[in-house]
mmCIF file of all heavy atoms, coordinates in Angstrom:
data_MODEL
# 
_entry.id   MODEL 
# 
loop_
_atom_site.group_PDB 
_atom_site.id 
_atom_site.type_symbol 
_atom_site.label_atom_id 
_atom_site.label_alt_id 
_atom_site.label_comp_id 
_atom_site.label_asym_id 
_atom_site.label_entity_id 
_atom_site.label_seq_id 
_atom_site.pdbx_PDB_ins_code 
_atom_site.Cartn_x 
_atom_site.Cartn_y 
_atom_site.Cartn_z 
_atom_site.occupancy 
_atom_site.B_iso_or_equiv 
_atom_site.pdbx_formal_charge 
_atom_site.auth_seq_id 
_atom_site.auth_comp_id 
_atom_site.auth_asym_id 
_atom_site.auth_atom_id 
_atom_site.pdbx_PDB_model_num 
ATOM 1   N N   . GLU A 1 1  ? 99.356  141.997 119.438 1.00 0.00 ? 1  GLU A N   1 
ATOM 2   C CA  . GLU A 1 1  ? 98.475  140.958 119.986 1.00 0.00 ? 1  GLU A CA  1 
ATOM 3   C C   . GLU A 1 1  ? 97.016  141.283 119.714 1.00 0.00 ? 1  GLU A C   1 
ATOM 4   O O   . GLU A 1 1  ? 96.212  140.383 119.412 1.00 0.00 ? 1  GLU A O   1 
ATOM 5   C CB  . GLU A 1 1  ? 98.715  140.820 121.489 1.00 0.00 ? 1  GLU A CB  1 
ATOM 6   C CG  . GLU A 1 1  ? 100.043 140.180 121.855 1.00 0.00 ? 1  GLU A CG  1 
ATOM 7   C CD  . GLU A 1 1  ? 100.279 140.155 123.351 1.00 0.00 ? 1  GLU A CD  1 
ATOM 8   O OE1 . GLU A 1 1  ? 99.471  140.776 124.097 1.00 0.00 ? 1  GLU A OE1 1 
ATOM 9   O OE2 . GLU A 1 1  ? 101.264 139.527 123.789 1.00 0.00 ? 1  GLU A OE2 1 
ATOM 10  N N   . THR A 1 2  ? 96.664  142.556 119.810 1.00 0.00 ? 2  THR A N   1 
ATOM 11  C CA  . THR A 1 2  ? 95.287  142.969 119.555 1.00 0.00 ? 2  THR A CA  1 
ATOM 12  C C   . THR A 1 2  ? 94.931  142.771 118.087 1.00 0.00 ? 2  THR A C   1 
ATOM 13  O O   . THR A 1 2  ? 93.821  142.311 117.760 1.00 0.00 ? 2  THR A O   1 
ATOM 14  C CB  . THR A 1 2  ? 95.083  144.437 119.960 1.00 0.00 ? 2  THR A CB  1 
ATOM 15  O OG1 . THR A 1 2  ? 95.463  144.601 121.332 1.00 0.00 ? 2  THR A OG1 1 
ATOM 16  C CG2 . THR A 1 2  ? 93.628  144.847 119.796 1.00 0.00 ? 2  THR A CG2 1 
ATOM 17  N N   . LEU A 1 3  ? 95.852  143.101 117.188 1.00 0.00 ? 3  LEU A N   1 
ATOM 18  C CA  . LEU A 1 3  ? 95.611  142.860 115.770 1.00 0.00 ? 3  LEU A CA  1 
ATOM 19  C C   . LEU A 1 3  ? 95.420  141.366 115.495 1.00 0.00 ? 3  LEU A C   1 
ATOM 20  O O   . LEU A 1 3  ? 94.574  140.980 114.684 1.00 0.00 ? 3  LEU A O   1 
ATOM 21  C CB  . LEU A 1 3  ? 96.780  143.403 114.942 1.00 0.00 ? 3  LEU A CB  1 
ATOM 22  C CG  . LEU A 1 3  ? 96.848  144.925 114.798 1.00 0.00 ? 3  LEU A CG  1 
ATOM 23  C CD1 . LEU A 1 3  ? 98.161  145.337 114.136 1.00 0.00 ? 3  LEU A CD1 1 
ATOM 24  C CD2 . LEU A 1 3  ? 95.663  145.439 113.989 1.00 0.00 ? 3  LEU A CD2 1 
ATOM 25  N N   . ALA A 1 4  ? 96.182  140.530 116.177 1.00 0.00 ? 4  ALA A N   1 
ATOM 26  C CA  . ALA A 1 4  ? 96.015  139.088 116.016 1.00 0.00 ? 4  ALA A CA  1 
ATOM 27  C C   . ALA A 1 4  ? 94.647  138.642 116.513 1.00 0.00 ? 4  ALA A C   1 
ATOM 28  O O   . ALA A 1 4  ? 94.006  137.773 115.912 1.00 0.00 ? 4  ALA A O   1 
ATOM 29  C CB  . ALA A 1 4  ? 97.129  138.347 116.760 1.00 0.00 ? 4  ALA A CB  1 
ATOM 30  N N   . GLU A 1 5  ? 94.190  139.228 117.609 1.00 0.00 ? 5  GLU A N   1 
ATOM 31  C CA  . GLU A 1 5  ? 92.879  138.882 118.152 1.00 0.00 ? 5  GLU A CA  1 
ATOM 32  C C   . GLU A 1 5  ? 91.754  139.110 117.145 1.00 0.00 ? 5  GLU A C   1 
ATOM 33  O O   . GLU A 1 5  ? 90.791  138.356 117.086 1.00 0.00 ? 5  GLU A O   1 
ATOM 34  C CB  . GLU A 1 5  ? 92.583  139.720 119.398 1.00 0.00 ? 5  GLU A CB  1 
ATOM 35  C CG  . GLU A 1 5  ? 93.128  139.187 120.682 1.00 0.00 ? 5  GLU A CG  1 
ATOM 36  C CD  . GLU A 1 5  ? 92.603  139.978 121.855 1.00 0.00 ? 5  GLU A CD  1 
ATOM 37  O OE1 . GLU A 1 5  ? 93.053  141.121 122.050 1.00 0.00 ? 5  GLU A OE1 1 
ATOM 38  O OE2 . GLU A 1 5  ? 91.727  139.466 122.578 1.00 0.00 ? 5  GLU A OE2 1 
ATOM 39  N N   . VAL A 1 6  ? 91.869  140.190 116.375 1.00 0.00 ? 6  VAL A N   1 
ATOM 40  C CA  . VAL A 1 6  ? 90.797  140.510 115.417 1.00 0.00 ? 6  VAL A CA  1 
ATOM 41  C C   . VAL A 1 6  ? 91.122  139.983 114.020 1.00 0.00 ? 6  VAL A C   1 
ATOM 42  O O   . VAL A 1 6  ? 90.390  140.264 113.061 1.00 0.00 ? 6  VAL A O   1 
ATOM 43  C CB  . VAL A 1 6  ? 90.518  142.028 115.369 1.00 0.00 ? 6  VAL A CB  1 
ATOM 44  C CG1 . VAL A 1 6  ? 90.111  142.536 116.749 1.00 0.00 ? 6  VAL A CG1 1 
ATOM 45  C CG2 . VAL A 1 6  ? 91.708  142.821 114.829 1.00 0.00 ? 6  VAL A CG2 1 
ATOM 46  N N   . GLY A 1 7  ? 92.218  139.219 113.887 1.00 0.00 ? 7  GLY A N   1 
ATOM 47  C CA  . GLY A 1 7  ? 92.476  138.491 112.658 1.00 0.00 ? 7  GLY A CA  1 
ATOM 48  C C   . GLY A 1 7  ? 93.184  139.244 111.549 1.00 0.00 ? 7  GLY A C   1 
ATOM 49  O O   . GLY A 1 7  ? 93.121  138.826 110.389 1.00 0.00 ? 7  GLY A O   1 
ATOM 50  N N   . ILE A 1 8  ? 93.895  140.323 111.872 1.00 0.00 ? 8  ILE A N   1 
ATOM 51  C CA  . ILE A 1 8  ? 94.545  141.100 110.808 1.00 0.00 ? 8  ILE A CA  1 
ATOM 52  C C   . ILE A 1 8  ? 95.997  141.414 111.142 1.00 0.00 ? 8  ILE A C   1 
ATOM 53  O O   . ILE A 1 8  ? 96.539  142.426 110.686 1.00 0.00 ? 8  ILE A O   1 
ATOM 54  C CB  . ILE A 1 8  ? 93.773  142.409 110.511 1.00 0.00 ? 8  ILE A CB  1 
ATOM 55  C CG1 . ILE A 1 8  ? 93.595  143.247 111.784 1.00 0.00 ? 8  ILE A CG1 1 
ATOM 56  C CG2 . ILE A 1 8  ? 92.448  142.117 109.835 1.00 0.00 ? 8  ILE A CG2 1 
ATOM 57  C CD1 . ILE A 1 8  ? 93.049  144.645 111.501 1.00 0.00 ? 8  ILE A CD1 1 
ATOM 58  N N   . ALA A 1 9  ? 96.673  140.549 111.886 1.00 0.00 ? 9  ALA A N   1 
ATOM 59  C CA  . ALA A 1 9  ? 98.066  140.790 112.251 1.00 0.00 ? 9  ALA A CA  1 
ATOM 60  C C   . ALA A 1 9  ? 98.962  140.878 111.018 1.00 0.00 ? 9  ALA A C   1 
ATOM 61  O O   . ALA A 1 9  ? 99.966  141.595 111.023 1.00 0.00 ? 9  ALA A O   1 
ATOM 62  C CB  . ALA A 1 9  ? 98.566  139.691 113.185 1.00 0.00 ? 9  ALA A CB  1 
ATOM 63  N N   . ASP A 1 10 ? 98.605  140.176 109.944 1.00 0.00 ? 10 ASP A N   1 
ATOM 64  C CA  . ASP A 1 10 ? 99.431  140.185 108.739 1.00 0.00 ? 10 ASP A CA  1 
ATOM 65  C C   . ASP A 1 10 ? 99.384  141.511 107.997 1.00 0.00 ? 10 ASP A C   1 
ATOM 66  O O   . ASP A 1 10 ? 100.171 141.742 107.071 1.00 0.00 ? 10 ASP A O   1 
ATOM 67  C CB  . ASP A 1 10 ? 99.018  139.048 107.798 1.00 0.00 ? 10 ASP A CB  1 
ATOM 68  C CG  . ASP A 1 10 ? 97.544  139.068 107.439 1.00 0.00 ? 10 ASP A CG  1 
ATOM 69  O OD1 . ASP A 1 10 ? 96.744  139.582 108.243 1.00 0.00 ? 10 ASP A OD1 1 
ATOM 70  O OD2 . ASP A 1 10 ? 97.192  138.562 106.357 1.00 0.00 ? 10 ASP A OD2 1 
ATOM 71  N N   . HIS A 1 11 ? 98.474  142.411 108.398 1.00 0.00 ? 11 HIS A N   1 
ATOM 72  C CA  . HIS A 1 11 ? 98.381  143.730 107.765 1.00 0.00 ? 11 HIS A CA  1 
ATOM 73  C C   . HIS A 1 11 ? 99.076  144.816 108.592 1.00 0.00 ? 11 HIS A C   1 
ATOM 74  O O   . HIS A 1 11 ? 98.978  146.002 108.255 1.00 0.00 ? 11 HIS A O   1 
ATOM 75  C CB  . HIS A 1 11 ? 96.909  144.132 107.585 1.00 0.00 ? 11 HIS A CB  1 
ATOM 76  C CG  . HIS A 1 11 ? 96.166  143.274 106.615 1.00 0.00 ? 11 HIS A CG  1 
ATOM 77  N ND1 . HIS A 1 11 ? 96.457  143.233 105.275 1.00 0.00 ? 11 HIS A ND1 1 
ATOM 78  C CD2 . HIS A 1 11 ? 95.133  142.419 106.790 1.00 0.00 ? 11 HIS A CD2 1 
ATOM 79  C CE1 . HIS A 1 11 ? 95.633  142.406 104.657 1.00 0.00 ? 11 HIS A CE1 1 
ATOM 80  N NE2 . HIS A 1 11 ? 94.830  141.883 105.554 1.00 0.00 ? 11 HIS A NE2 1 
ATOM 81  N N   . ALA A 1 12 ? 99.786  144.433 109.637 1.00 0.00 ? 12 ALA A N   1 
ATOM 82  C CA  . ALA A 1 12 ? 100.298 145.406 110.602 1.00 0.00 ? 12 ALA A CA  1 
ATOM 83  C C   . ALA A 1 12 ? 101.133 146.505 109.965 1.00 0.00 ? 12 ALA A C   1 
ATOM 84  O O   . ALA A 1 12 ? 101.024 147.682 110.354 1.00 0.00 ? 12 ALA A O   1 
ATOM 85  C CB  . ALA A 1 12 ? 101.114 144.700 111.692 1.00 0.00 ? 12 ALA A CB  1 
ATOM 86  N N   . GLU A 1 13 ? 101.960 146.171 109.006 1.00 0.00 ? 13 GLU A N   1 
ATOM 87  C CA  . GLU A 1 13 ? 102.880 147.164 108.437 1.00 0.00 ? 13 GLU A CA  1 
ATOM 88  C C   . GLU A 1 13 ? 102.345 147.804 107.162 1.00 0.00 ? 13 GLU A C   1 
ATOM 89  O O   . GLU A 1 13 ? 103.041 148.613 106.533 1.00 0.00 ? 13 GLU A O   1 
ATOM 90  C CB  . GLU A 1 13 ? 104.241 146.512 108.158 1.00 0.00 ? 13 GLU A CB  1 
ATOM 91  C CG  . GLU A 1 13 ? 104.924 145.960 109.395 1.00 0.00 ? 13 GLU A CG  1 
ATOM 92  C CD  . GLU A 1 13 ? 105.141 147.009 110.473 1.00 0.00 ? 13 GLU A CD  1 
ATOM 93  O OE1 . GLU A 1 13 ? 105.353 148.192 110.127 1.00 0.00 ? 13 GLU A OE1 1 
ATOM 94  O OE2 . GLU A 1 13 ? 105.093 146.653 111.665 1.00 0.00 ? 13 GLU A OE2 1 
ATOM 95  N N   . ARG A 1 14 ? 101.134 147.482 106.782 1.00 0.00 ? 14 ARG A N   1 
ATOM 96  C CA  . ARG A 1 14 ? 100.553 148.085 105.583 1.00 0.00 ? 14 ARG A CA  1 
ATOM 97  C C   . ARG A 1 14 ? 99.862  149.397 105.930 1.00 0.00 ? 14 ARG A C   1 
ATOM 98  O O   . ARG A 1 14 ? 99.277  149.530 107.017 1.00 0.00 ? 14 ARG A O   1 
ATOM 99  C CB  . ARG A 1 14 ? 99.531  147.128 104.950 1.00 0.00 ? 14 ARG A CB  1 
ATOM 100 C CG  . ARG A 1 14 ? 100.133 145.863 104.391 1.00 0.00 ? 14 ARG A CG  1 
ATOM 101 C CD  . ARG A 1 14 ? 99.086  145.026 103.685 1.00 0.00 ? 14 ARG A CD  1 
ATOM 102 N NE  . ARG A 1 14 ? 98.474  145.751 102.567 1.00 0.00 ? 14 ARG A NE  1 
ATOM 103 C CZ  . ARG A 1 14 ? 97.492  145.246 101.809 1.00 0.00 ? 14 ARG A CZ  1 
ATOM 104 N NH1 . ARG A 1 14 ? 97.024  144.029 102.071 1.00 0.00 ? 14 ARG A NH1 1 
ATOM 105 N NH2 . ARG A 1 14 ? 97.003  145.957 100.822 1.00 0.00 ? 14 ARG A NH2 1 
ATOM 106 N N   . PRO A 1 15 ? 99.897  150.380 105.036 1.00 0.00 ? 15 PRO A N   1 
ATOM 107 C CA  . PRO A 1 15 ? 99.138  151.613 105.290 1.00 0.00 ? 15 PRO A CA  1 
ATOM 108 C C   . PRO A 1 15 ? 97.645  151.327 105.271 1.00 0.00 ? 15 PRO A C   1 
ATOM 109 O O   . PRO A 1 15 ? 97.177  150.418 104.563 1.00 0.00 ? 15 PRO A O   1 
ATOM 110 C CB  . PRO A 1 15 ? 99.554  152.535 104.139 1.00 0.00 ? 15 PRO A CB  1 
ATOM 111 C CG  . PRO A 1 15 ? 100.068 151.630 103.073 1.00 0.00 ? 15 PRO A CG  1 
ATOM 112 C CD  . PRO A 1 15 ? 100.647 150.435 103.766 1.00 0.00 ? 15 PRO A CD  1 
ATOM 113 N N   . ALA A 1 16 ? 96.895  152.081 106.051 1.00 0.00 ? 16 ALA A N   1 
ATOM 114 C CA  . ALA A 1 16 ? 95.447  151.858 106.119 1.00 0.00 ? 16 ALA A CA  1 
ATOM 115 C C   . ALA A 1 16 ? 94.778  152.144 104.782 1.00 0.00 ? 16 ALA A C   1 
ATOM 116 O O   . ALA A 1 16 ? 93.796  151.482 104.426 1.00 0.00 ? 16 ALA A O   1 
ATOM 117 C CB  . ALA A 1 16 ? 94.844  152.733 107.217 1.00 0.00 ? 16 ALA A CB  1 
ATOM 118 N N   . SER A 1 17 ? 95.294  153.104 104.041 1.00 0.00 ? 17 SER A N   1 
ATOM 119 C CA  . SER A 1 17 ? 94.679  153.441 102.760 1.00 0.00 ? 17 SER A CA  1 
ATOM 120 C C   . SER A 1 17 ? 94.799  152.262 101.798 1.00 0.00 ? 17 SER A C   1 
ATOM 121 O O   . SER A 1 17 ? 95.835  151.606 101.713 1.00 0.00 ? 17 SER A O   1 
ATOM 122 C CB  . SER A 1 17 ? 95.355  154.663 102.141 1.00 0.00 ? 17 SER A CB  1 
ATOM 123 O OG  . SER A 1 17 ? 96.719  154.409 101.889 1.00 0.00 ? 17 SER A OG  1 
ATOM 124 N N   . GLY A 1 18 ? 93.699  151.979 101.091 1.00 0.00 ? 18 GLY A N   1 
ATOM 125 C CA  . GLY A 1 18 ? 93.710  150.909 100.110 1.00 0.00 ? 18 GLY A CA  1 
ATOM 126 C C   . GLY A 1 18 ? 93.303  149.553 100.636 1.00 0.00 ? 18 GLY A C   1 
ATOM 127 O O   . GLY A 1 18 ? 93.100  148.617 99.855  1.00 0.00 ? 18 GLY A O   1 
ATOM 128 N N   . LEU A 1 19 ? 93.165  149.406 101.953 1.00 0.00 ? 19 LEU A N   1 
ATOM 129 C CA  . LEU A 1 19 ? 92.734  148.119 102.499 1.00 0.00 ? 19 LEU A CA  1 
ATOM 130 C C   . LEU A 1 19 ? 91.230  147.938 102.304 1.00 0.00 ? 19 LEU A C   1 
ATOM 131 O O   . LEU A 1 19 ? 90.475  148.913 102.263 1.00 0.00 ? 19 LEU A O   1 
ATOM 132 C CB  . LEU A 1 19 ? 93.074  148.037 103.994 1.00 0.00 ? 19 LEU A CB  1 
ATOM 133 C CG  . LEU A 1 19 ? 94.551  147.925 104.353 1.00 0.00 ? 19 LEU A CG  1 
ATOM 134 C CD1 . LEU A 1 19 ? 94.727  147.997 105.860 1.00 0.00 ? 19 LEU A CD1 1 
ATOM 135 C CD2 . LEU A 1 19 ? 95.141  146.630 103.806 1.00 0.00 ? 19 LEU A CD2 1 
ATOM 136 N N   . PRO A 1 20 ? 90.759  146.684 102.188 1.00 0.00 ? 20 PRO A N   1 
ATOM 137 C CA  . PRO A 1 20 ? 89.320  146.444 102.051 1.00 0.00 ? 20 PRO A CA  1 
ATOM 138 C C   . PRO A 1 20 ? 88.552  147.012 103.237 1.00 0.00 ? 20 PRO A C   1 
ATOM 139 O O   . PRO A 1 20 ? 89.066  147.085 104.359 1.00 0.00 ? 20 PRO A O   1 
ATOM 140 C CB  . PRO A 1 20 ? 89.217  144.909 102.014 1.00 0.00 ? 20 PRO A CB  1 
ATOM 141 C CG  . PRO A 1 20 ? 90.564  144.445 101.586 1.00 0.00 ? 20 PRO A CG  1 
ATOM 142 C CD  . PRO A 1 20 ? 91.539  145.434 102.140 1.00 0.00 ? 20 PRO A CD  1 
ATOM 143 N N   . TYR A 1 21 ? 87.300  147.386 102.976 1.00 0.00 ? 21 TYR A N   1 
ATOM 144 C CA  . TYR A 1 21 ? 86.494  148.028 104.008 1.00 0.00 ? 21 TYR A CA  1 
ATOM 145 C C   . TYR A 1 21 ? 86.334  147.138 105.239 1.00 0.00 ? 21 TYR A C   1 
ATOM 146 O O   . TYR A 1 21 ? 86.413  147.619 106.381 1.00 0.00 ? 21 TYR A O   1 
ATOM 147 C CB  . TYR A 1 21 ? 85.118  148.388 103.436 1.00 0.00 ? 21 TYR A CB  1 
ATOM 148 C CG  . TYR A 1 21 ? 84.303  149.270 104.351 1.00 0.00 ? 21 TYR A CG  1 
ATOM 149 C CD1 . TYR A 1 21 ? 84.589  150.624 104.501 1.00 0.00 ? 21 TYR A CD1 1 
ATOM 150 C CD2 . TYR A 1 21 ? 83.239  148.744 105.074 1.00 0.00 ? 21 TYR A CD2 1 
ATOM 151 C CE1 . TYR A 1 21 ? 83.854  151.432 105.337 1.00 0.00 ? 21 TYR A CE1 1 
ATOM 152 C CE2 . TYR A 1 21 ? 82.484  149.551 105.924 1.00 0.00 ? 21 TYR A CE2 1 
ATOM 153 C CZ  . TYR A 1 21 ? 82.804  150.887 106.049 1.00 0.00 ? 21 TYR A CZ  1 
ATOM 154 O OH  . TYR A 1 21 ? 82.059  151.679 106.886 1.00 0.00 ? 21 TYR A OH  1 
ATOM 155 N N   . GLY A 1 22 ? 86.113  145.849 105.024 1.00 0.00 ? 22 GLY A N   1 
ATOM 156 C CA  . GLY A 1 22 ? 85.958  144.940 106.164 1.00 0.00 ? 22 GLY A CA  1 
ATOM 157 C C   . GLY A 1 22 ? 87.202  144.892 107.034 1.00 0.00 ? 22 GLY A C   1 
ATOM 158 O O   . GLY A 1 22 ? 87.108  144.780 108.263 1.00 0.00 ? 22 GLY A O   1 
ATOM 159 N N   . THR A 1 23 ? 88.380  144.988 106.404 1.00 0.00 ? 23 THR A N   1 
ATOM 160 C CA  . THR A 1 23 ? 89.633  145.020 107.160 1.00 0.00 ? 23 THR A CA  1 
ATOM 161 C C   . THR A 1 23 ? 89.751  146.312 107.955 1.00 0.00 ? 23 THR A C   1 
ATOM 162 O O   . THR A 1 23 ? 90.181  146.310 109.121 1.00 0.00 ? 23 THR A O   1 
ATOM 163 C CB  . THR A 1 23 ? 90.830  144.877 106.207 1.00 0.00 ? 23 THR A CB  1 
ATOM 164 O OG1 . THR A 1 23 ? 90.705  143.653 105.467 1.00 0.00 ? 23 THR A OG1 1 
ATOM 165 C CG2 . THR A 1 23 ? 92.141  144.868 106.980 1.00 0.00 ? 23 THR A CG2 1 
ATOM 166 N N   . LEU A 1 24 ? 89.352  147.429 107.336 1.00 0.00 ? 24 LEU A N   1 
ATOM 167 C CA  . LEU A 1 24 ? 89.410  148.717 108.042 1.00 0.00 ? 24 LEU A CA  1 
ATOM 168 C C   . LEU A 1 24 ? 88.497  148.716 109.266 1.00 0.00 ? 24 LEU A C   1 
ATOM 169 O O   . LEU A 1 24 ? 88.834  149.308 110.295 1.00 0.00 ? 24 LEU A O   1 
ATOM 170 C CB  . LEU A 1 24 ? 89.016  149.845 107.092 1.00 0.00 ? 24 LEU A CB  1 
ATOM 171 C CG  . LEU A 1 24 ? 89.974  150.103 105.926 1.00 0.00 ? 24 LEU A CG  1 
ATOM 172 C CD1 . LEU A 1 24 ? 89.424  151.179 105.005 1.00 0.00 ? 24 LEU A CD1 1 
ATOM 173 C CD2 . LEU A 1 24 ? 91.363  150.488 106.425 1.00 0.00 ? 24 LEU A CD2 1 
ATOM 174 N N   . LYS A 1 25 ? 87.359  148.046 109.167 1.00 0.00 ? 25 LYS A N   1 
ATOM 175 C CA  . LYS A 1 25 ? 86.472  147.928 110.327 1.00 0.00 ? 25 LYS A CA  1 
ATOM 176 C C   . LYS A 1 25 ? 87.191  147.223 111.481 1.00 0.00 ? 25 LYS A C   1 
ATOM 177 O O   . LYS A 1 25 ? 87.045  147.591 112.649 1.00 0.00 ? 25 LYS A O   1 
ATOM 178 C CB  . LYS A 1 25 ? 85.213  147.150 109.942 1.00 0.00 ? 25 LYS A CB  1 
ATOM 179 C CG  . LYS A 1 25 ? 84.197  147.931 109.152 1.00 0.00 ? 25 LYS A CG  1 
ATOM 180 C CD  . LYS A 1 25 ? 83.338  148.778 110.080 1.00 0.00 ? 25 LYS A CD  1 
ATOM 181 C CE  . LYS A 1 25 ? 82.116  149.316 109.389 1.00 0.00 ? 25 LYS A CE  1 
ATOM 182 N NZ  . LYS A 1 25 ? 81.224  150.062 110.295 1.00 0.00 ? 25 LYS A NZ  1 
ATOM 183 N N   . ARG A 1 26 ? 87.977  146.214 111.138 1.00 0.00 ? 26 ARG A N   1 
ATOM 184 C CA  . ARG A 1 26 ? 88.709  145.480 112.173 1.00 0.00 ? 26 ARG A CA  1 
ATOM 185 C C   . ARG A 1 26 ? 89.857  146.313 112.736 1.00 0.00 ? 26 ARG A C   1 
ATOM 186 O O   . ARG A 1 26 ? 90.201  146.185 113.913 1.00 0.00 ? 26 ARG A O   1 
ATOM 187 C CB  . ARG A 1 26 ? 89.209  144.154 111.619 1.00 0.00 ? 26 ARG A CB  1 
ATOM 188 C CG  . ARG A 1 26 ? 88.085  143.159 111.353 1.00 0.00 ? 26 ARG A CG  1 
ATOM 189 C CD  . ARG A 1 26 ? 88.607  141.850 110.810 1.00 0.00 ? 26 ARG A CD  1 
ATOM 190 N NE  . ARG A 1 26 ? 87.505  140.948 110.513 1.00 0.00 ? 26 ARG A NE  1 
ATOM 191 C CZ  . ARG A 1 26 ? 87.334  139.743 111.064 1.00 0.00 ? 26 ARG A CZ  1 
ATOM 192 N NH1 . ARG A 1 26 ? 88.192  139.310 111.967 1.00 0.00 ? 26 ARG A NH1 1 
ATOM 193 N NH2 . ARG A 1 26 ? 86.311  138.986 110.737 1.00 0.00 ? 26 ARG A NH2 1 
ATOM 194 N N   . VAL A 1 27 ? 90.457  147.153 111.897 1.00 0.00 ? 27 VAL A N   1 
ATOM 195 C CA  . VAL A 1 27 ? 91.504  148.054 112.397 1.00 0.00 ? 27 VAL A CA  1 
ATOM 196 C C   . VAL A 1 27 ? 90.917  148.984 113.451 1.00 0.00 ? 27 VAL A C   1 
ATOM 197 O O   . VAL A 1 27 ? 91.503  149.184 114.524 1.00 0.00 ? 27 VAL A O   1 
ATOM 198 C CB  . VAL A 1 27 ? 92.129  148.871 111.248 1.00 0.00 ? 27 VAL A CB  1 
ATOM 199 C CG1 . VAL A 1 27 ? 93.135  149.886 111.816 1.00 0.00 ? 27 VAL A CG1 1 
ATOM 200 C CG2 . VAL A 1 27 ? 92.809  147.972 110.235 1.00 0.00 ? 27 VAL A CG2 1 
ATOM 201 N N   . GLU A 1 28 ? 89.754  149.553 113.160 1.00 0.00 ? 28 GLU A N   1 
ATOM 202 C CA  . GLU A 1 28 ? 89.145  150.466 114.123 1.00 0.00 ? 28 GLU A CA  1 
ATOM 203 C C   . GLU A 1 28 ? 88.746  149.728 115.401 1.00 0.00 ? 28 GLU A C   1 
ATOM 204 O O   . GLU A 1 28 ? 88.891  150.254 116.507 1.00 0.00 ? 28 GLU A O   1 
ATOM 205 C CB  . GLU A 1 28 ? 87.941  151.169 113.516 1.00 0.00 ? 28 GLU A CB  1 
ATOM 206 C CG  . GLU A 1 28 ? 87.409  152.247 114.442 1.00 0.00 ? 28 GLU A CG  1 
ATOM 207 C CD  . GLU A 1 28 ? 86.373  153.132 113.792 1.00 0.00 ? 28 GLU A CD  1 
ATOM 208 O OE1 . GLU A 1 28 ? 85.432  152.599 113.197 1.00 0.00 ? 28 GLU A OE1 1 
ATOM 209 O OE2 . GLU A 1 28 ? 86.509  154.354 113.905 1.00 0.00 ? 28 GLU A OE2 1 
ATOM 210 N N   . LEU A 1 29 ? 88.252  148.497 115.249 1.00 0.00 ? 29 LEU A N   1 
ATOM 211 C CA  . LEU A 1 29 ? 87.921  147.699 116.429 1.00 0.00 ? 29 LEU A CA  1 
ATOM 212 C C   . LEU A 1 29 ? 89.177  147.437 117.257 1.00 0.00 ? 29 LEU A C   1 
ATOM 213 O O   . LEU A 1 29 ? 89.165  147.574 118.489 1.00 0.00 ? 29 LEU A O   1 
ATOM 214 C CB  . LEU A 1 29 ? 87.279  146.381 115.996 1.00 0.00 ? 29 LEU A CB  1 
ATOM 215 C CG  . LEU A 1 29 ? 86.993  145.366 117.101 1.00 0.00 ? 29 LEU A CG  1 
ATOM 216 C CD1 . LEU A 1 29 ? 86.037  145.941 118.143 1.00 0.00 ? 29 LEU A CD1 1 
ATOM 217 C CD2 . LEU A 1 29 ? 86.426  144.077 116.499 1.00 0.00 ? 29 LEU A CD2 1 
# 
């Protein structure tokens, strides 16, 4: 639910490595 709130629920099962920097910022948020 938190990932959906910040707009990146579709990346839930992807490894953090290789994701765009803006997406990684949202992961940390």
